[in-house]
Amino acid sequence: MSFAGAWSVGNLIFVGDAEYGASTHGSLPITDQFALGGPRHLSGLAQNQIRGDEMTYGRLEMQYKLTRPIPILGFSVLAGVQAETGRMKMPALASNPTGWIQSYGVYLATNSFLGPIYFGYSDSKYGKGRLYFFVGTP
């Protein structure tokens, strides 16, 4: 189950996301387990660092429009900050944390003729700082 929304006030954009997932019966196979870690799913952790059968996740972002879209090209630049929290109630690996994990990050994003371009940094207590660079959708 997932809920997401955005609210714009002038050049500020507020984005929120909440997700919950749980196995309906028994343990899931590793390929079907829920995962935390990676872009916009606790960005301070490695991709799919924590897997398990019951996940709760939430994210709040604040974006600021640095430029207005340029006519014809549509080029625009956003700067953003994000705060994420999540937990895996029953992680597949006993060594993974079971409590709430926080991750914080900053980024620059743009729409260009190459598609979306994203450059960001996130950190978490349970992961090393992560740099992200994407051309296209992550």
N, C-alpha and C. Protein backbone atom coordinates (compact mmCIF):
# COMPACT_ATOMS: atom_id res chain seq x y z
N MET A 1 0.86 -1.15 0.00
CA MET A 1 0.00 0.00 0.00
C MET A 1 0.91 1.22 0.00
N SER A 2 0.57 2.22 -0.81
CA SER A 2 1.41 3.40 -0.94
C SER A 2 0.55 4.64 -1.10
N PHE A 3 0.98 5.72 -0.48
CA PHE A 3 0.32 7.02 -0.61
C PHE A 3 1.40 8.05 -0.90
N ALA A 4 1.14 8.93 -1.85
CA ALA A 4 2.11 9.97 -2.20
C ALA A 4 1.35 11.24 -2.57
N GLY A 5 2.02 12.38 -2.38
CA GLY A 5 1.40 13.64 -2.75
C GLY A 5 2.43 14.75 -2.83
N ALA A 6 2.05 15.84 -3.48
CA ALA A 6 2.92 17.01 -3.60
C ALA A 6 2.07 18.26 -3.44
N TRP A 7 2.67 19.30 -2.89
CA TRP A 7 1.99 20.57 -2.68
C TRP A 7 2.97 21.67 -3.04
N SER A 8 2.54 22.61 -3.85
CA SER A 8 3.40 23.68 -4.33
C SER A 8 2.97 25.01 -3.74
N VAL A 9 3.96 25.79 -3.28
CA VAL A 9 3.74 27.14 -2.76
C VAL A 9 4.80 28.03 -3.40
N GLY A 10 4.43 28.75 -4.44
CA GLY A 10 5.41 29.57 -5.15
C GLY A 10 6.49 28.69 -5.75
N ASN A 11 7.75 28.97 -5.40
CA ASN A 11 8.88 28.19 -5.91
C ASN A 11 9.22 26.98 -5.05
N LEU A 12 8.47 26.78 -3.95
CA LEU A 12 8.69 25.63 -3.07
C LEU A 12 7.73 24.51 -3.42
N ILE A 13 8.23 23.29 -3.38
CA ILE A 13 7.40 22.11 -3.60
C ILE A 13 7.65 21.16 -2.43
N PHE A 14 6.58 20.72 -1.79
CA PHE A 14 6.67 19.76 -0.70
C PHE A 14 6.14 18.42 -1.22
N VAL A 15 6.92 17.36 -1.00
CA VAL A 15 6.57 16.03 -1.50
C VAL A 15 6.56 15.06 -0.32
N GLY A 16 5.56 14.22 -0.26
CA GLY A 16 5.47 13.21 0.78
C GLY A 16 5.15 11.85 0.20
N ASP A 17 5.63 10.81 0.87
CA ASP A 17 5.39 9.44 0.42
C ASP A 17 5.36 8.54 1.65
N ALA A 18 4.39 7.64 1.70
CA ALA A 18 4.30 6.65 2.78
C ALA A 18 3.97 5.30 2.16
N GLU A 19 4.65 4.25 2.62
CA GLU A 19 4.45 2.91 2.08
C GLU A 19 4.42 1.89 3.21
N TYR A 20 3.61 0.86 3.01
CA TYR A 20 3.57 -0.27 3.94
C TYR A 20 3.36 -1.53 3.14
N GLY A 21 4.05 -2.58 3.49
CA GLY A 21 3.85 -3.86 2.83
C GLY A 21 4.15 -4.99 3.79
N ALA A 22 3.36 -6.06 3.70
CA ALA A 22 3.57 -7.21 4.56
C ALA A 22 3.12 -8.47 3.84
N SER A 23 3.76 -9.55 4.17
CA SER A 23 3.38 -10.86 3.65
C SER A 23 2.00 -11.21 4.20
N THR A 24 1.13 -11.75 3.37
CA THR A 24 -0.21 -12.12 3.85
C THR A 24 -0.21 -13.47 4.55
N HIS A 25 0.78 -14.31 4.22
CA HIS A 25 0.84 -15.63 4.85
C HIS A 25 2.25 -16.19 4.72
N GLY A 26 2.92 -16.41 5.83
CA GLY A 26 4.23 -17.03 5.82
C GLY A 26 5.34 -16.11 5.33
N SER A 27 6.49 -16.70 5.10
CA SER A 27 7.66 -15.96 4.63
C SER A 27 7.67 -15.90 3.11
N LEU A 28 8.11 -14.77 2.60
CA LEU A 28 8.21 -14.59 1.15
C LEU A 28 9.54 -15.14 0.64
N PRO A 29 9.57 -15.63 -0.60
CA PRO A 29 10.87 -15.99 -1.19
C PRO A 29 11.74 -14.75 -1.32
N ILE A 30 13.05 -14.91 -1.26
CA ILE A 30 13.95 -13.76 -1.28
C ILE A 30 13.72 -12.84 -2.46
N THR A 31 13.33 -13.37 -3.61
CA THR A 31 13.10 -12.54 -4.80
C THR A 31 11.84 -11.68 -4.69
N ASP A 32 10.93 -12.03 -3.78
CA ASP A 32 9.68 -11.28 -3.62
C ASP A 32 9.64 -10.44 -2.35
N GLN A 33 10.69 -10.48 -1.54
CA GLN A 33 10.69 -9.73 -0.29
C GLN A 33 10.72 -8.23 -0.54
N PHE A 34 10.22 -7.48 0.43
CA PHE A 34 10.29 -6.03 0.39
C PHE A 34 11.73 -5.62 0.65
N ALA A 35 12.13 -4.46 0.11
CA ALA A 35 13.51 -4.02 0.26
C ALA A 35 13.59 -2.55 0.63
N LEU A 36 14.56 -2.23 1.47
CA LEU A 36 14.89 -0.85 1.83
C LEU A 36 16.35 -0.62 1.46
N GLY A 37 16.63 0.58 0.96
CA GLY A 37 17.99 0.94 0.56
C GLY A 37 18.02 1.34 -0.89
N GLY A 38 18.74 2.41 -1.18
CA GLY A 38 18.84 2.91 -2.55
C GLY A 38 18.01 4.16 -2.74
N PRO A 39 18.01 4.70 -3.93
CA PRO A 39 17.31 5.97 -4.19
C PRO A 39 15.85 5.93 -3.78
N ARG A 40 15.47 6.91 -2.96
CA ARG A 40 14.09 7.10 -2.50
C ARG A 40 13.50 5.89 -1.79
N HIS A 41 14.34 5.14 -1.14
CA HIS A 41 13.93 4.05 -0.24
C HIS A 41 15.01 3.87 0.82
N LEU A 42 15.29 4.91 1.57
CA LEU A 42 16.41 5.05 2.50
C LEU A 42 17.70 5.17 1.70
N SER A 43 17.86 6.33 1.10
CA SER A 43 18.96 6.61 0.16
C SER A 43 20.34 6.50 0.78
N GLY A 44 20.46 6.61 2.10
CA GLY A 44 21.76 6.50 2.75
C GLY A 44 22.26 5.07 2.84
N LEU A 45 21.42 4.10 2.50
CA LEU A 45 21.80 2.69 2.52
C LEU A 45 22.12 2.20 1.11
N ALA A 46 22.81 1.09 1.02
CA ALA A 46 23.10 0.47 -0.28
C ALA A 46 21.79 -0.03 -0.89
N GLN A 47 21.77 -0.18 -2.20
CA GLN A 47 20.59 -0.67 -2.91
C GLN A 47 20.12 -1.99 -2.32
N ASN A 48 18.86 -2.06 -1.88
CA ASN A 48 18.24 -3.27 -1.31
C ASN A 48 19.05 -3.87 -0.16
N GLN A 49 19.65 -3.02 0.67
CA GLN A 49 20.50 -3.48 1.77
C GLN A 49 19.71 -4.30 2.79
N ILE A 50 18.45 -3.94 3.03
CA ILE A 50 17.64 -4.65 4.01
C ILE A 50 16.43 -5.25 3.30
N ARG A 51 16.24 -6.56 3.44
CA ARG A 51 15.10 -7.25 2.83
C ARG A 51 14.32 -7.97 3.92
N GLY A 52 13.00 -8.11 3.71
CA GLY A 52 12.21 -8.81 4.69
C GLY A 52 10.75 -8.93 4.29
N ASP A 53 9.93 -9.38 5.25
CA ASP A 53 8.52 -9.68 4.99
C ASP A 53 7.55 -8.57 5.42
N GLU A 54 8.01 -7.58 6.18
CA GLU A 54 7.11 -6.49 6.59
C GLU A 54 7.89 -5.17 6.63
N MET A 55 7.49 -4.23 5.77
CA MET A 55 8.21 -2.96 5.61
C MET A 55 7.27 -1.78 5.85
N THR A 56 7.82 -0.75 6.51
CA THR A 56 7.15 0.54 6.65
C THR A 56 8.15 1.61 6.24
N TYR A 57 7.70 2.58 5.43
CA TYR A 57 8.61 3.59 4.90
C TYR A 57 7.89 4.92 4.75
N GLY A 58 8.61 6.02 5.01
CA GLY A 58 8.06 7.36 4.80
C GLY A 58 9.15 8.32 4.36
N ARG A 59 8.76 9.28 3.51
CA ARG A 59 9.72 10.28 3.01
C ARG A 59 9.04 11.63 2.92
N LEU A 60 9.77 12.67 3.33
CA LEU A 60 9.36 14.06 3.13
C LEU A 60 10.48 14.78 2.39
N GLU A 61 10.10 15.55 1.39
CA GLU A 61 11.06 16.31 0.60
C GLU A 61 10.60 17.75 0.49
N MET A 62 11.58 18.64 0.41
CA MET A 62 11.30 20.04 0.08
C MET A 62 12.20 20.39 -1.09
N GLN A 63 11.58 20.83 -2.18
CA GLN A 63 12.31 21.21 -3.39
C GLN A 63 12.14 22.70 -3.62
N TYR A 64 13.17 23.31 -4.18
CA TYR A 64 13.11 24.74 -4.53
C TYR A 64 13.47 24.89 -5.99
N LYS A 65 12.64 25.58 -6.75
CA LYS A 65 12.90 25.81 -8.17
C LYS A 65 13.98 26.88 -8.31
N LEU A 66 15.15 26.48 -8.78
CA LEU A 66 16.26 27.41 -8.97
C LEU A 66 16.10 28.21 -10.26
N THR A 67 15.49 27.60 -11.27
CA THR A 67 15.24 28.29 -12.54
C THR A 67 13.82 27.99 -13.00
N ARG A 68 13.29 28.86 -13.78
CA ARG A 68 12.00 28.63 -14.43
C ARG A 68 12.27 27.83 -15.71
N PRO A 69 11.30 27.04 -16.18
CA PRO A 69 11.53 26.30 -17.43
C PRO A 69 11.85 27.24 -18.58
N ILE A 70 12.87 26.89 -19.35
CA ILE A 70 13.27 27.67 -20.52
C ILE A 70 12.35 27.26 -21.67
N PRO A 71 11.70 28.23 -22.33
CA PRO A 71 10.80 27.89 -23.43
C PRO A 71 11.48 27.01 -24.48
N ILE A 72 10.74 26.17 -25.10
CA ILE A 72 11.12 25.21 -26.13
C ILE A 72 11.95 24.06 -25.54
N LEU A 73 13.03 24.34 -24.79
CA LEU A 73 13.86 23.29 -24.21
C LEU A 73 13.22 22.64 -22.99
N GLY A 74 12.47 23.42 -22.22
CA GLY A 74 11.87 22.91 -21.00
C GLY A 74 12.85 22.72 -19.86
N PHE A 75 14.09 23.14 -20.03
CA PHE A 75 15.15 22.98 -19.04
C PHE A 75 14.82 23.75 -17.76
N SER A 76 14.88 23.09 -16.62
CA SER A 76 14.70 23.74 -15.32
C SER A 76 15.54 22.99 -14.29
N VAL A 77 15.87 23.67 -13.18
CA VAL A 77 16.73 23.08 -12.15
C VAL A 77 16.04 23.20 -10.80
N LEU A 78 16.09 22.10 -10.03
CA LEU A 78 15.54 22.05 -8.67
C LEU A 78 16.65 21.70 -7.69
N ALA A 79 16.60 22.27 -6.50
CA ALA A 79 17.45 21.85 -5.39
C ALA A 79 16.52 21.27 -4.34
N GLY A 80 16.93 20.20 -3.69
CA GLY A 80 16.04 19.58 -2.72
C GLY A 80 16.76 19.01 -1.52
N VAL A 81 16.00 18.86 -0.45
CA VAL A 81 16.44 18.16 0.75
C VAL A 81 15.39 17.10 1.05
N GLN A 82 15.83 15.97 1.60
CA GLN A 82 14.89 14.91 1.92
C GLN A 82 15.22 14.28 3.25
N ALA A 83 14.18 13.85 3.94
CA ALA A 83 14.31 13.09 5.18
C ALA A 83 13.47 11.83 5.00
N GLU A 84 14.09 10.69 5.29
CA GLU A 84 13.41 9.41 5.12
C GLU A 84 13.49 8.61 6.42
N THR A 85 12.49 7.78 6.64
CA THR A 85 12.52 6.85 7.76
C THR A 85 11.87 5.56 7.32
N GLY A 86 12.33 4.47 7.87
CA GLY A 86 11.74 3.18 7.53
C GLY A 86 12.21 2.10 8.47
N ARG A 87 11.49 0.99 8.42
CA ARG A 87 11.92 -0.16 9.22
C ARG A 87 11.46 -1.44 8.54
N MET A 88 12.22 -2.47 8.75
CA MET A 88 11.87 -3.81 8.29
C MET A 88 11.62 -4.59 9.57
N LYS A 89 10.37 -4.91 9.81
CA LYS A 89 10.01 -5.56 11.07
C LYS A 89 10.64 -6.94 11.22
N MET A 90 10.69 -7.69 10.15
CA MET A 90 11.27 -9.03 10.21
C MET A 90 12.31 -9.17 9.09
N PRO A 91 13.53 -8.60 9.28
CA PRO A 91 14.53 -8.67 8.20
C PRO A 91 14.98 -10.10 7.92
N ALA A 92 15.32 -10.36 6.66
CA ALA A 92 15.77 -11.69 6.25
C ALA A 92 17.08 -12.08 6.93
N LEU A 93 17.96 -11.09 7.14
CA LEU A 93 19.23 -11.35 7.83
C LEU A 93 19.14 -10.83 9.25
N ALA A 94 19.47 -11.66 10.20
CA ALA A 94 19.39 -11.27 11.62
C ALA A 94 20.32 -10.11 11.94
N SER A 95 21.36 -9.91 11.15
CA SER A 95 22.32 -8.83 11.42
C SER A 95 21.77 -7.46 11.01
N ASN A 96 20.68 -7.41 10.24
CA ASN A 96 20.08 -6.14 9.83
C ASN A 96 19.29 -5.53 10.98
N PRO A 97 19.28 -4.20 11.09
CA PRO A 97 18.53 -3.55 12.16
C PRO A 97 17.02 -3.76 11.99
N THR A 98 16.31 -3.85 13.12
CA THR A 98 14.85 -4.04 13.09
C THR A 98 14.12 -2.76 13.48
N GLY A 99 14.81 -1.81 14.05
CA GLY A 99 14.16 -0.56 14.48
C GLY A 99 14.06 0.44 13.34
N TRP A 100 13.60 1.63 13.69
CA TRP A 100 13.46 2.71 12.71
C TRP A 100 14.83 3.22 12.29
N ILE A 101 15.01 3.42 11.00
CA ILE A 101 16.26 3.91 10.42
C ILE A 101 15.95 5.23 9.74
N GLN A 102 16.81 6.22 9.95
CA GLN A 102 16.64 7.52 9.29
C GLN A 102 17.74 7.71 8.25
N SER A 103 17.39 8.44 7.20
CA SER A 103 18.32 8.80 6.14
C SER A 103 18.01 10.23 5.72
N TYR A 104 19.06 11.01 5.46
CA TYR A 104 18.90 12.41 5.07
C TYR A 104 19.71 12.66 3.81
N GLY A 105 19.22 13.55 2.95
CA GLY A 105 19.95 13.81 1.73
C GLY A 105 19.68 15.17 1.13
N VAL A 106 20.55 15.55 0.19
CA VAL A 106 20.41 16.79 -0.58
C VAL A 106 20.65 16.43 -2.04
N TYR A 107 20.05 17.20 -2.96
CA TYR A 107 20.22 16.89 -4.37
C TYR A 107 19.93 18.08 -5.26
N LEU A 108 20.42 17.99 -6.49
CA LEU A 108 20.09 18.89 -7.60
C LEU A 108 19.49 18.02 -8.69
N ALA A 109 18.43 18.49 -9.31
CA ALA A 109 17.78 17.72 -10.37
C ALA A 109 17.37 18.67 -11.49
N THR A 110 17.36 18.14 -12.71
CA THR A 110 16.98 18.96 -13.85
C THR A 110 16.27 18.10 -14.89
N ASN A 111 15.45 18.75 -15.67
CA ASN A 111 14.89 18.13 -16.88
C ASN A 111 15.68 18.72 -18.03
N SER A 112 16.20 17.86 -18.88
CA SER A 112 17.01 18.34 -20.00
C SER A 112 16.63 17.58 -21.26
N PHE A 113 17.24 17.94 -22.36
CA PHE A 113 16.98 17.23 -23.61
C PHE A 113 17.46 15.78 -23.54
N LEU A 114 18.33 15.45 -22.56
CA LEU A 114 18.79 14.07 -22.34
C LEU A 114 17.82 13.29 -21.45
N GLY A 115 16.85 13.98 -20.88
CA GLY A 115 15.95 13.38 -19.91
C GLY A 115 16.28 13.92 -18.53
N PRO A 116 15.71 13.34 -17.48
CA PRO A 116 16.01 13.81 -16.13
C PRO A 116 17.48 13.57 -15.77
N ILE A 117 18.09 14.52 -15.07
CA ILE A 117 19.45 14.37 -14.55
C ILE A 117 19.38 14.66 -13.05
N TYR A 118 19.99 13.79 -12.26
CA TYR A 118 19.90 13.87 -10.80
C TYR A 118 21.29 13.66 -10.21
N PHE A 119 21.68 14.55 -9.29
CA PHE A 119 22.93 14.42 -8.56
C PHE A 119 22.63 14.66 -7.09
N GLY A 120 22.94 13.68 -6.23
CA GLY A 120 22.60 13.84 -4.83
C GLY A 120 23.56 13.13 -3.90
N TYR A 121 23.40 13.43 -2.60
CA TYR A 121 24.18 12.81 -1.54
C TYR A 121 23.22 12.47 -0.40
N SER A 122 23.34 11.25 0.14
CA SER A 122 22.53 10.83 1.28
C SER A 122 23.41 10.11 2.28
N ASP A 123 22.99 10.15 3.54
CA ASP A 123 23.74 9.49 4.60
C ASP A 123 22.77 8.90 5.62
N SER A 124 23.24 7.89 6.33
CA SER A 124 22.46 7.22 7.35
C SER A 124 23.40 6.61 8.37
N LYS A 125 22.90 6.39 9.57
CA LYS A 125 23.69 5.77 10.63
C LYS A 125 24.11 4.35 10.24
N TYR A 126 23.28 3.65 9.47
CA TYR A 126 23.53 2.26 9.10
C TYR A 126 24.14 2.09 7.71
N GLY A 127 24.54 3.17 7.09
CA GLY A 127 25.16 3.09 5.77
C GLY A 127 26.23 4.16 5.66
N LYS A 128 27.13 3.97 4.72
CA LYS A 128 28.13 5.00 4.46
C LYS A 128 27.49 6.05 3.56
N GLY A 129 28.00 7.27 3.59
CA GLY A 129 27.45 8.31 2.72
C GLY A 129 27.43 7.84 1.27
N ARG A 130 26.36 8.14 0.56
CA ARG A 130 26.19 7.68 -0.82
C ARG A 130 26.04 8.86 -1.75
N LEU A 131 26.80 8.85 -2.85
CA LEU A 131 26.63 9.82 -3.93
C LEU A 131 25.81 9.17 -5.02
N TYR A 132 24.87 9.92 -5.57
CA TYR A 132 24.02 9.41 -6.66
C TYR A 132 24.15 10.33 -7.87
N PHE A 133 24.26 9.72 -9.05
CA PHE A 133 24.23 10.47 -10.29
C PHE A 133 23.45 9.63 -11.29
N PHE A 134 22.36 10.19 -11.82
CA PHE A 134 21.53 9.49 -12.78
C PHE A 134 21.27 10.38 -13.97
N VAL A 135 21.28 9.78 -15.13
CA VAL A 135 20.75 10.40 -16.34
C VAL A 135 19.62 9.47 -16.75
N GLY A 136 18.39 9.95 -16.71
CA GLY A 136 17.23 9.10 -16.92
C GLY A 136 16.64 8.76 -15.56
N THR A 137 15.65 7.92 -15.54
CA THR A 137 14.96 7.55 -14.30
C THR A 137 15.74 6.46 -13.58
N PRO A 138 16.02 6.65 -12.26
CA PRO A 138 16.76 5.61 -11.51
C PRO A 138 15.96 4.34 -11.37
